C-alpha atoms as a PDB file:
ATOM      1  CA  ILE A   1       8.564 -21.252 -32.529  1.00  0.00           C
ATOM      2  CA  SER A   2      11.097 -18.962 -30.626  1.00  0.00           C
ATOM      3  CA  LEU A   3      11.473 -18.105 -27.017  1.00  0.00           C
ATOM      4  CA  TRP A   4      11.284 -14.643 -28.045  1.00  0.00           C
ATOM      5  CA  HIS A   5       8.095 -15.161 -29.082  1.00  0.00           C
ATOM      6  CA  TYR A   6       6.465 -16.958 -26.388  1.00  0.00           C
ATOM      7  CA  HIS A   7       7.773 -13.995 -24.185  1.00  0.00           C
ATOM      8  CA  ASN A   8       7.419 -11.302 -26.257  1.00  0.00           C
ATOM      9  CA  ASP A   9       4.533 -11.531 -28.775  1.00  0.00           C
ATOM     10  CA  PRO A  10       1.119 -10.998 -27.989  1.00  0.00           C
ATOM     11  CA  ALA A  11      -0.140 -13.552 -29.877  1.00  0.00           C
ATOM     12  CA  PHE A  12       1.803 -15.961 -27.485  1.00  0.00           C
ATOM     13  CA  LYS A  13       0.689 -14.048 -24.054  1.00  0.00           C
ATOM     14  CA  LYS A  14       0.257 -15.973 -21.563  1.00  0.00           C
ATOM     15  CA  SER A  15      -2.110 -16.301 -18.723  1.00  0.00           C
ATOM     16  CA  VAL A  16      -0.676 -13.427 -16.595  1.00  0.00           C
ATOM     17  CA  ASP A  17       0.658 -10.474 -17.205  1.00  0.00           C
ATOM     18  CA  TRP A  18       4.082 -11.184 -16.032  1.00  0.00           C
ATOM     19  CA  PRO A  19       6.138  -8.039 -17.355  1.00  0.00           C
ATOM     20  CA  THR A  20       3.644  -5.377 -15.482  1.00  0.00           C
ATOM     21  CA  LEU A  21       4.372  -7.860 -12.506  1.00  0.00           C
ATOM     22  CA  ALA A  22       7.909  -7.412 -12.902  1.00  0.00           C
ATOM     23  CA  ARG A  23       8.184  -4.310 -13.527  1.00  0.00           C
ATOM     24  CA  TYR A  24       6.188  -2.902 -10.659  1.00  0.00           C
ATOM     25  CA  LEU A  25       8.048  -4.603  -8.436  1.00  0.00           C
ATOM     26  CA  GLN A  26      11.596  -3.323  -9.997  1.00  0.00           C
ATOM     27  CA  GLU A  27      10.007   0.295  -9.706  1.00  0.00           C
ATOM     28  CA  ASN A  28       8.829  -0.327  -5.884  1.00  0.00           C
ATOM     29  CA  THR A  29      11.511  -2.590  -4.780  1.00  0.00           C
ATOM     30  CA  THR A  30      15.267  -2.071  -3.141  1.00  0.00           C
ATOM     31  CA  ASN A  31      17.913  -4.123  -1.677  1.00  0.00           C
ATOM     32  CA  ASN A  32      16.025  -3.532   1.320  1.00  0.00           C
ATOM     33  CA  ASP A  33      13.027  -5.402   0.625  1.00  0.00           C
ATOM     34  CA  PHE A  34      12.576  -9.353   0.628  1.00  0.00           C
ATOM     35  CA  ILE A  35      10.300 -10.602  -2.225  1.00  0.00           C
ATOM     36  CA  ILE A  36       8.252 -14.381  -0.792  1.00  0.00           C
ATOM     37  CA  GLN A  37       6.666 -15.858  -4.001  1.00  0.00           C
ATOM     38  CA  GLN A  38       4.104 -18.267  -2.962  1.00  0.00           C
ATOM     39  CA  SER A  39       3.296 -20.946  -5.938  1.00  0.00           C
ATOM     40  CA  ILE A  40       4.641 -18.286  -8.639  1.00  0.00           C
ATOM     41  CA  ASP A  41       4.569 -19.626 -12.583  1.00  0.00           C
ATOM     42  CA  ALA A  42       7.760 -20.556 -13.516  1.00  0.00           C
ATOM     43  CA  ALA A  43       7.939 -18.381 -16.616  1.00  0.00           C
ATOM     44  CA  PHE A  44       7.629 -15.392 -13.901  1.00  0.00           C
ATOM     45  CA  GLY A  45      11.756 -15.877 -13.331  1.00  0.00           C
ATOM     46  CA  TYR A  46      12.082 -14.994 -16.761  1.00  0.00           C
ATOM     47  CA  TYR A  47      11.009 -11.644 -16.213  1.00  0.00           C
ATOM     48  CA  TYR A  48      11.855 -11.075 -12.964  1.00  0.00           C
ATOM     49  CA  GLN A  49      15.374 -11.650 -14.036  1.00  0.00           C
ATOM     50  CA  ARG A  50      15.285  -9.134 -16.831  1.00  0.00           C
ATOM     51  CA  ALA A  51      13.448  -6.534 -14.615  1.00  0.00           C
ATOM     52  CA  GLY A  52      16.922  -5.894 -12.935  1.00  0.00           C
ATOM     53  CA  ILE A  53      15.058  -6.142  -9.705  1.00  0.00           C
ATOM     54  CA  HIS A  54      17.621  -6.149  -6.718  1.00  0.00           C
ATOM     55  CA  ALA A  55      15.543  -7.179  -3.949  1.00  0.00           C
ATOM     56  CA  GLU A  56      16.385 -10.483  -2.720  1.00  0.00           C
ATOM     57  CA  ASP A  57      13.616 -13.160  -3.404  1.00  0.00           C
ATOM     58  CA  THR A  58      12.669 -16.680  -1.724  1.00  0.00           C
ATOM     59  CA  GLY A  59       9.948 -19.469  -2.389  1.00  0.00           C
ATOM     60  CA  LEU A  60       8.104 -19.620   0.678  1.00  0.00           C
ATOM     61  CA  PRO A  61       7.121 -22.375   2.207  1.00  0.00           C
ATOM     62  CA  THR A  62       9.567 -24.250  -0.002  1.00  0.00           C
ATOM     63  CA  ARG A  63       7.655 -27.774   0.067  1.00  0.00           C
ATOM     64  CA  SER A  64       4.567 -28.773   1.403  1.00  0.00           C
ATOM     65  CA  SER A  65       6.220 -30.623   4.344  1.00  0.00           C
ATOM     66  CA  GLN A  66       8.497 -27.961   5.470  1.00  0.00           C
ATOM     67  CA  PRO A  67       8.022 -27.152   9.326  1.00  0.00           C
ATOM     68  CA  GLU A  68       6.251 -24.746  10.551  1.00  0.00           C
ATOM     69  CA  ASP A  69       9.171 -23.441  12.834  1.00  0.00           C
ATOM     70  CA  GLU A  70      11.252 -23.109   9.885  1.00  0.00           C
ATOM     71  CA  ILE A  71       8.969 -21.135   8.181  1.00  0.00           C
ATOM     72  CA  ILE A  72       8.682 -18.997  10.908  1.00  0.00           C
ATOM     73  CA  GLN A  73      12.946 -18.466  10.985  1.00  0.00           C
ATOM     74  CA  THR A  74      12.846 -17.549   7.501  1.00  0.00           C
ATOM     75  CA  LEU A  75      10.129 -14.643   8.137  1.00  0.00           C
ATOM     76  CA  GLU A  76      11.780 -13.811  11.779  1.00  0.00           C
ATOM     77  CA  ASN A  77      15.772 -13.461   9.558  1.00  0.00           C
ATOM     78  CA  ALA A  78      13.555 -11.440   7.056  1.00  0.00           C
ATOM     79  CA  TYR A  79      12.277  -9.137   9.639  1.00  0.00           C
ATOM     80  CA  ALA A  80      15.475  -8.424  11.063  1.00  0.00           C
ATOM     81  CA  GLN A  81      17.450  -7.823   8.285  1.00  0.00           C
ATOM     82  CA  TYR A  82      14.816  -6.022   5.840  1.00  0.00           C
ATOM     83  CA  HIS A  83      12.571  -2.750   6.021  1.00  0.00           C
ATOM     84  CA  SER A  84       9.947  -4.663   4.097  1.00  0.00           C
ATOM     85  CA  ILE A  85       8.667  -7.708   2.950  1.00  0.00           C
ATOM     86  CA  TRP A  86       6.496  -8.422   0.047  1.00  0.00           C
ATOM     87  CA  VAL A  87       4.216 -11.212  -0.729  1.00  0.00           C
ATOM     88  CA  ILE A  88       3.835 -12.381  -4.213  1.00  0.00           C
ATOM     89  CA  ALA A  89       0.603 -14.667  -5.282  1.00  0.00           C
ATOM     90  CA  ARG A  90      -1.187 -17.272  -3.460  1.00  0.00           C
ATOM     91  CA  PRO A  91      -0.027 -20.326  -1.818  1.00  0.00           C
ATOM     92  CA  TYR A  92      -0.648 -23.905  -2.823  1.00  0.00           C
ATOM     93  CA  PRO A  93      -3.938 -24.909  -1.744  1.00  0.00           C
ATOM     94  CA  ALA A  94      -3.015 -27.951  -1.101  1.00  0.00           C
ATOM     95  CA  TRP A  95       0.259 -27.241   1.296  1.00  0.00           C
ATOM     96  CA  THR A  96      -1.427 -26.399   4.510  1.00  0.00           C
ATOM     97  CA  ASN A  97       1.615 -24.517   5.703  1.00  0.00           C
ATOM     98  CA  GLY A  98       0.968 -22.101   2.879  1.00  0.00           C
ATOM     99  CA  PRO A  99      -1.183 -19.630   4.545  1.00  0.00           C
ATOM    100  CA  LEU A 100       0.934 -19.100   7.838  1.00  0.00           C
ATOM    101  CA  VAL A 101       3.379 -16.818   5.755  1.00  0.00           C
ATOM    102  CA  GLU A 102       0.690 -13.834   5.740  1.00  0.00           C
ATOM    103  CA  ARG A 103      -0.532 -14.758   8.829  1.00  0.00           C
ATOM    104  CA  TRP A 104       2.426 -14.336  10.735  1.00  0.00           C
ATOM    105  CA  LEU A 105       3.161 -11.181   8.826  1.00  0.00           C
ATOM    106  CA  ASP A 106      -0.402  -9.712   9.400  1.00  0.00           C
ATOM    107  CA  GLU A 107       0.202 -10.807  13.304  1.00  0.00           C
ATOM    108  CA  HIS A 108       3.742  -9.237  13.271  1.00  0.00           C
ATOM    109  CA  MET A 109       3.830  -6.058  10.653  1.00  0.00           C
ATOM    110  CA  GLN A 110       1.422  -3.560   9.167  1.00  0.00           C
ATOM    111  CA  ARG A 111       0.139  -4.788   5.947  1.00  0.00           C
ATOM    112  CA  VAL A 112       0.836  -1.681   3.628  1.00  0.00           C
ATOM    113  CA  ARG A 113      -0.398  -2.415   0.300  1.00  0.00           C
ATOM    114  CA  HIS A 114      -2.618  -4.882  -1.173  1.00  0.00           C
ATOM    115  CA  LEU A 115      -3.329  -5.379  -4.760  1.00  0.00           C
ATOM    116  CA  ASN A 116      -3.984  -7.511  -7.855  1.00  0.00           C
ATOM    117  CA  ILE A 117      -2.063  -7.187 -10.922  1.00  0.00           C
ATOM    118  CA  ASP A 118      -3.770  -9.691 -13.588  1.00  0.00           C
ATOM    119  CA  GLY A 119      -5.189 -12.048 -11.095  1.00  0.00           C
ATOM    120  CA  VAL A 120      -2.287 -12.355  -8.962  1.00  0.00           C
ATOM    121  CA  PRO A 121      -2.205 -10.777  -5.225  1.00  0.00           C
ATOM    122  CA  VAL A 122       0.754  -8.371  -4.470  1.00  0.00           C
ATOM    123  CA  ARG A 123       1.342  -7.566  -0.916  1.00  0.00           C
ATOM    124  CA  GLN A 124       3.677  -5.346   0.828  1.00  0.00           C
ATOM    125  CA  PHE A 125       4.368  -5.384   4.941  1.00  0.00           C
ATOM    126  CA  LEU A 126       6.565  -2.523   7.119  1.00  0.00           C
ATOM    127  CA  PRO A 127       7.172  -3.050  10.785  1.00  0.00           C
ATOM    128  CA  TRP A 128       4.428  -0.562  12.812  1.00  0.00           C
ATOM    129  CA  ASP A 129       7.591   1.351  13.690  1.00  0.00           C
ATOM    130  CA  VAL A 130       8.147   3.965  11.334  1.00  0.00           C
ATOM    131  CA  ARG A 131      11.952   4.462  10.748  1.00  0.00           C
ATOM    132  CA  ASP A 132      13.235   8.409   9.707  1.00  0.00           C
ATOM    133  CA  ASP A 133      14.183   7.950   6.418  1.00  0.00           C
ATOM    134  CA  GLU A 134      10.573   7.070   5.392  1.00  0.00           C
ATOM    135  CA  LEU A 135       9.865  10.546   6.231  1.00  0.00           C
ATOM    136  CA  THR A 136      11.199  11.890   2.763  1.00  0.00           C
ATOM    137  CA  SER A 137       8.049  13.551   1.731  1.00  0.00           C
ATOM    138  CA  GLU A 138       8.219  17.337   1.963  1.00  0.00           C
ATOM    139  CA  VAL A 139       4.065  17.395   2.954  1.00  0.00           C
ATOM    140  CA  THR A 140       3.465  18.966   5.960  1.00  0.00           C
ATOM    141  CA  THR A 141       0.739  20.804   8.025  1.00  0.00           C
ATOM    142  CA  THR A 142      -0.986  21.106  11.534  1.00  0.00           C
ATOM    143  CA  TYR A 143      -4.609  20.126  12.235  1.00  0.00           C
ATOM    144  CA  GLU A 144      -5.595  22.219  14.583  1.00  0.00           C
ATOM    145  CA  GLN A 145      -5.106  20.766  18.537  1.00  0.00           C
ATOM    146  CA  VAL A 146      -4.740  17.428  17.195  1.00  0.00           C
ATOM    147  CA  ALA A 147      -2.100  16.060  15.091  1.00  0.00           C
ATOM    148  CA  GLU A 148       0.796  17.047  12.526  1.00  0.00           C
ATOM    149  CA  LEU A 149       0.965  15.178   9.052  1.00  0.00           C
ATOM    150  CA  VAL A 150       4.761  14.985   9.182  1.00  0.00           C
ATOM    151  CA  GLY A 151       4.498  13.212   5.698  1.00  0.00           C
ATOM    152  CA  ALA A 152       2.597  11.181   2.775  1.00  0.00           C
ATOM    153  CA  LYS A 153       3.697   9.641  -0.130  1.00  0.00           C
ATOM    154  CA  TYR A 154       1.024   7.900  -2.899  1.00  0.00           C
ATOM    155  CA  PHE A 155       1.605   4.907  -5.660  1.00  0.00           C
ATOM    156  CA  MET A 156      -0.293   4.643  -8.533  1.00  0.00           C
ATOM    157  CA  PRO A 157      -1.528   1.208  -9.857  1.00  0.00           C
ATOM    158  CA  PRO A 158       0.254  -0.279 -12.503  1.00  0.00           C
ATOM    159  CA  THR A 159      -2.856  -0.495 -14.555  1.00  0.00           C
ATOM    160  CA  LYS A 160      -5.630   1.642 -15.084  1.00  0.00           C
ATOM    161  CA  ASN A 161      -8.559   1.316 -12.789  1.00  0.00           C
ATOM    162  CA  GLY A 162      -6.551  -0.057  -9.779  1.00  0.00           C
ATOM    163  CA  ASP A 163      -6.341   1.810  -6.649  1.00  0.00           C
ATOM    164  CA  ILE A 164      -4.302   4.786  -5.532  1.00  0.00           C
ATOM    165  CA  ILE A 165      -2.201   3.806  -2.688  1.00  0.00           C
ATOM    166  CA  ILE A 166      -1.742   6.239   0.303  1.00  0.00           C
ATOM    167  CA  TRP A 167       0.464   6.002   3.239  1.00  0.00           C
ATOM    168  CA  LEU A 168       0.109   9.159   5.382  1.00  0.00           C
ATOM    169  CA  TYR A 169       2.341  10.049   8.614  1.00  0.00           C
ATOM    170  CA  TRP A 170       1.001  11.387  11.826  1.00  0.00           C
ATOM    171  CA  LYS A 171       2.034  12.667  14.690  1.00  0.00           C
ATOM    172  CA  PRO A 172      -0.204  13.427  17.716  1.00  0.00           C
ATOM    173  CA  ILE A 173      -0.246  16.654  19.151  1.00  0.00           C
ATOM    174  CA  HIS A 174      -3.261  15.813  21.583  1.00  0.00           C
ATOM    175  CA  GLN A 175      -5.916  13.422  22.582  1.00  0.00           C
ATOM    176  CA  THR A 176      -9.730  14.151  21.409  1.00  0.00           C
ATOM    177  CA  GLU A 177     -12.518  13.675  23.259  1.00  0.00           C
ATOM    178  CA  GLU A 178     -14.283  12.237  20.478  1.00  0.00           C
ATOM    179  CA  PRO A 179     -13.075   9.637  17.968  1.00  0.00           C
ATOM    180  CA  LEU A 180     -11.753  11.172  14.904  1.00  0.00           C
ATOM    181  CA  THR A 181     -12.081   9.843  11.253  1.00  0.00           C
ATOM    182  CA  VAL A 182      -9.528  10.309   8.693  1.00  0.00           C
ATOM    183  CA  PHE A 183     -10.142  10.958   5.085  1.00  0.00           C
ATOM    184  CA  VAL A 184      -8.387  11.393   1.342  1.00  0.00           C
ATOM    185  CA  HIS A 185     -10.382  12.224  -1.192  1.00  0.00           C
ATOM    186  CA  LEU A 186     -10.250  12.547  -4.894  1.00  0.00           C
ATOM    187  CA  ILE A 187     -11.312  16.209  -6.278  1.00  0.00           C
ATOM    188  CA  GLY A 188     -11.139  17.221  -9.509  1.00  0.00           C
ATOM    189  CA  GLY A 189     -13.990  18.794 -11.737  1.00  0.00           C
ATOM    190  CA  ILE A 190     -17.707  18.416 -11.517  1.00  0.00           C
ATOM    191  CA  ASN A 191     -18.644  14.651 -11.150  1.00  0.00           C
ATOM    192  CA  PRO A 192     -22.044  14.401 -12.569  1.00  0.00           C
ATOM    193  CA  SER A 193     -23.090  11.627 -11.098  1.00  0.00           C
ATOM    194  CA  THR A 194     -22.786  13.532  -7.425  1.00  0.00           C
ATOM    195  CA  GLY A 195     -22.928  17.344  -8.416  1.00  0.00           C
ATOM    196  CA  THR A 196     -19.665  17.653  -6.535  1.00  0.00           C
ATOM    197  CA  PRO A 197     -15.565  17.557  -7.371  1.00  0.00           C
ATOM    198  CA  LEU A 198     -15.561  14.177  -5.511  1.00  0.00           C
ATOM    199  CA  TRP A 199     -14.569  11.608  -7.666  1.00  0.00           C
ATOM    200  CA  SER A 200     -13.289   8.856  -5.569  1.00  0.00           C
ATOM    201  CA  GLN A 201     -12.368   8.532  -1.268  1.00  0.00           C
ATOM    202  CA  ASP A 202     -11.616   6.746   1.522  1.00  0.00           C
ATOM    203  CA  ASP A 203     -12.632   7.658   4.812  1.00  0.00           C
ATOM    204  CA  HIS A 204     -11.706   5.331   8.098  1.00  0.00           C
ATOM    205  CA  PRO A 205     -10.287   6.006  11.522  1.00  0.00           C
ATOM    206  CA  PRO A 206      -6.669   6.052  12.104  1.00  0.00           C
ATOM    207  CA  GLN A 207      -5.686   2.568  10.748  1.00  0.00           C
ATOM    208  CA  ASN A 208      -8.652   1.202  10.429  1.00  0.00           C
ATOM    209  CA  GLY A 209      -9.323   1.574  13.477  1.00  0.00           C
ATOM    210  CA  ARG A 210      -6.213   0.214  15.204  1.00  0.00           C
ATOM    211  CA  ILE A 211      -5.620   3.302  17.518  1.00  0.00           C
ATOM    212  CA  SER A 212      -8.072   6.018  18.382  1.00  0.00           C
ATOM    213  CA  THR A 213      -7.240  10.062  18.223  1.00  0.00           C
ATOM    214  CA  GLN A 214      -8.894   9.606  21.827  1.00  0.00           C
ATOM    215  CA  THR A 215      -5.992   7.491  22.988  1.00  0.00           C
ATOM    216  CA  TRP A 216      -3.111   7.640  20.510  1.00  0.00           C
ATOM    217  CA  ASP A 217       0.204   7.840  21.806  1.00  0.00           C
ATOM    218  CA  ILE A 218       1.249  12.098  21.677  1.00  0.00           C
ATOM    219  CA  GLY A 219       4.742  12.842  19.867  1.00  0.00           C
ATOM    220  CA  HIS A 220       4.467   9.003  18.486  1.00  0.00           C
ATOM    221  CA  ILE A 221       4.271   8.875  14.553  1.00  0.00           C
ATOM    222  CA  TYR A 222       1.721   6.350  13.130  1.00  0.00           C
ATOM    223  CA  ARG A 223       1.624   4.859   9.288  1.00  0.00           C
ATOM    224  CA  ASP A 224      -2.059   5.160   7.978  1.00  0.00           C
ATOM    225  CA  VAL A 225      -2.570   3.259   4.722  1.00  0.00           C
ATOM    226  CA  PHE A 226      -5.640   4.364   2.056  1.00  0.00           C
ATOM    227  CA  TYR A 227      -6.914   3.318  -0.753  1.00  0.00           C
ATOM    228  CA  VAL A 228      -8.492   5.496  -3.299  1.00  0.00           C
ATOM    229  CA  SER A 229     -10.266   3.628  -6.372  1.00  0.00           C
ATOM    230  CA  LEU A 230      -9.536   5.106  -9.899  1.00  0.00           C
ATOM    231  CA  ASP A 231     -12.322   3.167 -11.268  1.00  0.00           C
ATOM    232  CA  GLY A 232     -14.635   4.854 -13.084  1.00  0.00           C
ATOM    233  CA  VAL A 233     -12.548   8.042 -12.576  1.00  0.00           C
ATOM    234  CA  PRO A 234     -11.737   9.724 -16.262  1.00  0.00           C
ATOM    235  CA  ALA A 235      -9.061  11.031 -17.605  1.00  0.00           C
ATOM    236  CA  GLY A 236      -8.005  14.807 -16.281  1.00  0.00           C
ATOM    237  CA  SER A 237      -6.229  16.302 -13.977  1.00  0.00           C
ATOM    238  CA  TYR A 238      -6.932  15.728  -9.787  1.00  0.00           C
ATOM    239  CA  ILE A 239      -5.799  16.566  -6.403  1.00  0.00           C
ATOM    240  CA  LEU A 240      -5.515  14.154  -3.577  1.00  0.00           C
ATOM    241  CA  GLN A 241      -6.919  16.084  -0.542  1.00  0.00           C
ATOM    242  CA  VAL A 242      -6.232  14.501   2.933  1.00  0.00           C
ATOM    243  CA  GLY A 243      -8.188  15.652   6.587  1.00  0.00           C
ATOM    244  CA  LEU A 244      -9.820  14.934   9.813  1.00  0.00           C
ATOM    245  CA  TYR A 245     -13.695  14.849  10.676  1.00  0.00           C
ATOM    246  CA  ASP A 246     -15.966  14.248  14.043  1.00  0.00           C
ATOM    247  CA  THR A 247     -17.223  10.476  13.514  1.00  0.00           C
ATOM    248  CA  ALA A 248     -20.205  11.797  14.604  1.00  0.00           C
ATOM    249  CA  THR A 249     -21.111  15.065  13.486  1.00  0.00           C
ATOM    250  CA  GLY A 250     -18.920  15.182  10.017  1.00  0.00           C
ATOM    251  CA  GLU A 251     -17.486  18.729  11.337  1.00  0.00           C
ATOM    252  CA  ARG A 252     -14.129  18.758   9.966  1.00  0.00           C
ATOM    253  CA  VAL A 253     -10.774  19.743  11.931  1.00  0.00           C
ATOM    254  CA  LEU A 254      -9.170  22.610  10.252  1.00  0.00           C
ATOM    255  CA  THR A 255      -5.494  23.053   9.724  1.00  0.00           C
ATOM    256  CA  SER A 256      -3.062  25.730  11.103  1.00  0.00           C
ATOM    257  CA  GLY A 257      -4.047  27.453   7.574  1.00  0.00           C
ATOM    258  CA  GLY A 258      -7.388  27.409   8.197  1.00  0.00           C
ATOM    259  CA  LEU A 259      -7.964  24.527   5.225  1.00  0.00           C
ATOM    260  CA  ASP A 260     -10.560  22.025   5.979  1.00  0.00           C
ATOM    261  CA  ALA A 261      -8.491  19.505   3.931  1.00  0.00           C
ATOM    262  CA  TYR A 262      -5.115  19.447   2.701  1.00  0.00           C
ATOM    263  CA  PRO A 263      -3.689  18.761  -0.586  1.00  0.00           C
ATOM    264  CA  ILE A 264      -0.908  16.027  -0.711  1.00  0.00           C
ATOM    265  CA  GLY A 265      -0.581  15.446  -4.276  1.00  0.00           C
ATOM    266  CA  GLU A 266      -2.068  16.484  -8.272  1.00  0.00           C
ATOM    267  CA  ILE A 267      -2.782  13.334 -10.395  1.00  0.00           C
ATOM    268  CA  LEU A 268      -2.991  13.649 -13.914  1.00  0.00           C
ATOM    269  CA  LEU A 269      -5.060  10.099 -15.860  1.00  0.00           C
ATOM    270  CA  ASP A 270      -4.661   9.811 -19.369  1.00  0.00           C
END
């Protein structure tokens, strides 16, 4: 059996779809990203190299006995040098220092992406403070007397029935008397199970409650992360819509153009 068969012939497919994982990283990372691999199968290196991924990568922890201060120093250096840190796979269960990586990242950075590719967890972390070069989207609108939506990005899942990951960028204009909830809705033809055009959604307070529209800082830009599931959504054309509503009453905040939901992108599912 040749290596070509081992790596490419479906008859010899291994337990994990490494090519899809490698392709996803190639499409979503740059040389400004740092990738941490935890307990990755050695076969992954083959696809990682073939995919031409430009991001720097390392194993962390490097060994079960690696001191915590060494691990933290590596993370601090990566935080200072790179824009984004990714963590791939899970730490070895027997390594007591393994959970430190993800714990440190959750304490110091914003988790902006979490998905599984054929059972392998993929996580991405960004600094809480938004850099100017992140705001490349032309999506902008104002929700009257509340906030500007100064940008939006969305990332399609690598496989069917995954989640669309959405990043919204809010610039508050005022603080509100009552807390508001943000929604991202997937709108299409009539959904027979509900009798409405709503097919999927993610509603939550800004940054999942880390901040509130009652106390957020005027003029500061906040990144807000949403996951809209495509599980059970049939092929067709859909619109992602974003809005704000009063958490208690459900009353929506209108945009300056009089809309109660603002479209940020069209989704075509095959």
